[in-house]
N, C-alpha and C. Protein backbone atom coordinates (compact mmCIF):
# COMPACT_ATOMS: atom_id res chain seq x y z
N MET A 1 -4.07 11.61 22.25
CA MET A 1 -3.92 11.73 20.81
C MET A 1 -3.44 10.40 20.26
N ALA A 2 -4.05 9.95 19.20
CA ALA A 2 -3.67 8.70 18.57
C ALA A 2 -2.52 8.93 17.59
N HIS A 3 -1.63 8.00 17.54
CA HIS A 3 -0.50 8.07 16.62
C HIS A 3 -0.52 6.86 15.71
N GLY A 4 -0.24 7.07 14.44
CA GLY A 4 -0.21 5.97 13.48
C GLY A 4 1.08 5.19 13.58
N ASP A 5 1.10 4.07 12.90
CA ASP A 5 2.29 3.23 12.86
C ASP A 5 3.36 3.93 12.04
N SER A 6 4.52 4.16 12.63
CA SER A 6 5.59 4.89 11.94
C SER A 6 6.58 3.94 11.26
N SER A 7 6.23 2.67 11.12
CA SER A 7 7.16 1.71 10.53
C SER A 7 6.89 1.50 9.05
N SER A 8 6.42 2.52 8.38
CA SER A 8 6.12 2.42 6.95
C SER A 8 7.42 2.18 6.18
N PRO A 9 7.38 1.26 5.20
CA PRO A 9 8.59 0.98 4.43
C PRO A 9 9.00 2.11 3.49
N THR A 10 8.08 3.02 3.20
CA THR A 10 8.40 4.14 2.32
C THR A 10 8.19 5.44 3.08
N PRO A 11 9.07 6.41 2.85
CA PRO A 11 8.90 7.69 3.53
C PRO A 11 7.71 8.45 2.95
N PRO A 12 7.17 9.40 3.71
CA PRO A 12 6.04 10.18 3.19
C PRO A 12 6.49 11.02 1.99
N PRO A 13 5.57 11.34 1.09
CA PRO A 13 5.94 12.14 -0.08
C PRO A 13 6.34 13.56 0.32
N HIS A 14 7.13 14.19 -0.52
CA HIS A 14 7.59 15.55 -0.26
C HIS A 14 6.83 16.51 -1.18
N PRO A 15 5.84 17.22 -0.65
CA PRO A 15 5.05 18.13 -1.47
C PRO A 15 5.77 19.43 -1.75
N ASP A 16 5.32 20.11 -2.79
CA ASP A 16 5.80 21.46 -3.10
C ASP A 16 4.92 22.42 -2.29
N LEU A 17 5.47 22.97 -1.24
CA LEU A 17 4.68 23.81 -0.34
C LEU A 17 4.25 25.12 -0.98
N ASP A 18 4.98 25.58 -2.00
CA ASP A 18 4.54 26.78 -2.71
C ASP A 18 3.21 26.53 -3.41
N LEU A 19 3.04 25.33 -3.98
CA LEU A 19 1.78 24.98 -4.63
C LEU A 19 0.68 24.76 -3.58
N ALA A 20 1.04 24.24 -2.43
CA ALA A 20 0.06 23.89 -1.41
C ALA A 20 -0.42 25.08 -0.58
N ARG A 21 0.34 26.14 -0.58
CA ARG A 21 0.09 27.26 0.33
C ARG A 21 -1.37 27.74 0.37
N THR A 22 -2.03 27.82 -0.76
CA THR A 22 -3.41 28.34 -0.79
C THR A 22 -4.46 27.26 -1.03
N CYS A 23 -4.08 26.00 -0.90
CA CYS A 23 -5.01 24.90 -1.18
C CYS A 23 -5.98 24.68 -0.01
N ASP A 24 -7.26 24.68 -0.33
CA ASP A 24 -8.28 24.44 0.70
C ASP A 24 -8.46 22.95 1.00
N HIS A 25 -8.07 22.10 0.06
CA HIS A 25 -8.26 20.65 0.24
C HIS A 25 -7.30 20.08 1.29
N CYS A 26 -6.03 20.45 1.19
CA CYS A 26 -5.03 19.92 2.13
C CYS A 26 -4.64 20.94 3.21
N LEU A 27 -5.25 22.11 3.15
CA LEU A 27 -5.02 23.18 4.13
C LEU A 27 -3.56 23.65 4.16
N GLY A 28 -2.91 23.59 2.99
CA GLY A 28 -1.56 24.09 2.89
C GLY A 28 -0.46 23.09 3.19
N TRP A 29 -0.82 21.86 3.51
CA TRP A 29 0.18 20.84 3.84
C TRP A 29 0.76 20.17 2.59
N GLY A 30 -0.02 20.05 1.53
CA GLY A 30 0.45 19.39 0.32
C GLY A 30 0.23 17.89 0.31
N THR A 31 -0.19 17.36 1.46
CA THR A 31 -0.50 15.93 1.54
C THR A 31 -1.84 15.75 2.24
N VAL A 32 -2.44 14.60 2.01
CA VAL A 32 -3.67 14.22 2.69
C VAL A 32 -3.46 12.82 3.28
N VAL A 33 -4.19 12.52 4.34
CA VAL A 33 -4.09 11.21 4.98
C VAL A 33 -5.22 10.34 4.46
N THR A 34 -4.87 9.15 3.97
CA THR A 34 -5.86 8.23 3.43
C THR A 34 -6.57 7.49 4.57
N ARG A 35 -7.60 6.74 4.22
CA ARG A 35 -8.30 5.94 5.23
C ARG A 35 -7.39 4.91 5.87
N ASP A 36 -6.33 4.51 5.17
CA ASP A 36 -5.38 3.53 5.69
C ASP A 36 -4.30 4.17 6.55
N GLY A 37 -4.34 5.49 6.69
CA GLY A 37 -3.36 6.19 7.50
C GLY A 37 -2.09 6.56 6.75
N GLU A 38 -2.09 6.37 5.45
CA GLU A 38 -0.93 6.73 4.63
C GLU A 38 -1.02 8.19 4.21
N HIS A 39 0.11 8.80 3.96
CA HIS A 39 0.15 10.16 3.45
C HIS A 39 0.30 10.11 1.93
N ASP A 40 -0.60 10.77 1.23
CA ASP A 40 -0.53 10.89 -0.23
C ASP A 40 -0.45 12.35 -0.60
N LEU A 41 0.16 12.63 -1.74
CA LEU A 41 0.18 14.00 -2.23
C LEU A 41 -1.25 14.44 -2.51
N CYS A 42 -1.54 15.69 -2.25
CA CYS A 42 -2.86 16.25 -2.48
C CYS A 42 -3.14 16.30 -3.98
N GLU A 43 -4.22 15.69 -4.41
CA GLU A 43 -4.57 15.67 -5.83
C GLU A 43 -5.01 17.04 -6.33
N ALA A 44 -5.43 17.91 -5.42
CA ALA A 44 -5.92 19.22 -5.82
C ALA A 44 -4.78 20.20 -6.15
N CYS A 45 -3.63 20.07 -5.49
CA CYS A 45 -2.59 21.08 -5.70
C CYS A 45 -1.23 20.52 -6.10
N GLN A 46 -1.03 19.22 -5.99
CA GLN A 46 0.29 18.64 -6.30
C GLN A 46 0.23 17.84 -7.59
N ARG A 47 1.19 18.06 -8.45
CA ARG A 47 1.29 17.29 -9.69
C ARG A 47 2.13 16.06 -9.43
N ASP A 48 1.75 14.95 -10.02
CA ASP A 48 2.54 13.72 -9.94
C ASP A 48 3.66 13.82 -10.97
N PRO A 49 4.93 13.74 -10.56
CA PRO A 49 6.02 13.89 -11.54
C PRO A 49 6.02 12.81 -12.60
N GLY A 50 5.35 11.70 -12.38
CA GLY A 50 5.32 10.62 -13.36
C GLY A 50 4.05 10.61 -14.19
N ASP A 51 3.28 11.71 -14.18
CA ASP A 51 2.01 11.70 -14.91
C ASP A 51 2.15 12.01 -16.39
N GLY A 52 3.36 12.32 -16.83
CA GLY A 52 3.60 12.53 -18.25
C GLY A 52 3.36 13.94 -18.74
N SER A 53 2.90 14.83 -17.89
CA SER A 53 2.68 16.21 -18.33
C SER A 53 3.93 17.02 -18.05
N ALA A 54 4.55 17.48 -19.11
CA ALA A 54 5.76 18.29 -18.97
C ALA A 54 5.39 19.76 -19.09
N ALA A 55 6.03 20.57 -18.28
CA ALA A 55 5.75 22.01 -18.32
C ALA A 55 6.56 22.70 -19.39
């Protein structure tokens, strides 16, 4: 099994697992792995807190 470089200067994002639970895109994880091996929040189920949309 291949392992990515764990020396990233920033920690992985913390998804809201309640939102991710039924997501088919990220399979319930709340994050997706980019081509560069970075973890990003799933665009399908996670809202970016800095996107300006207030609930």
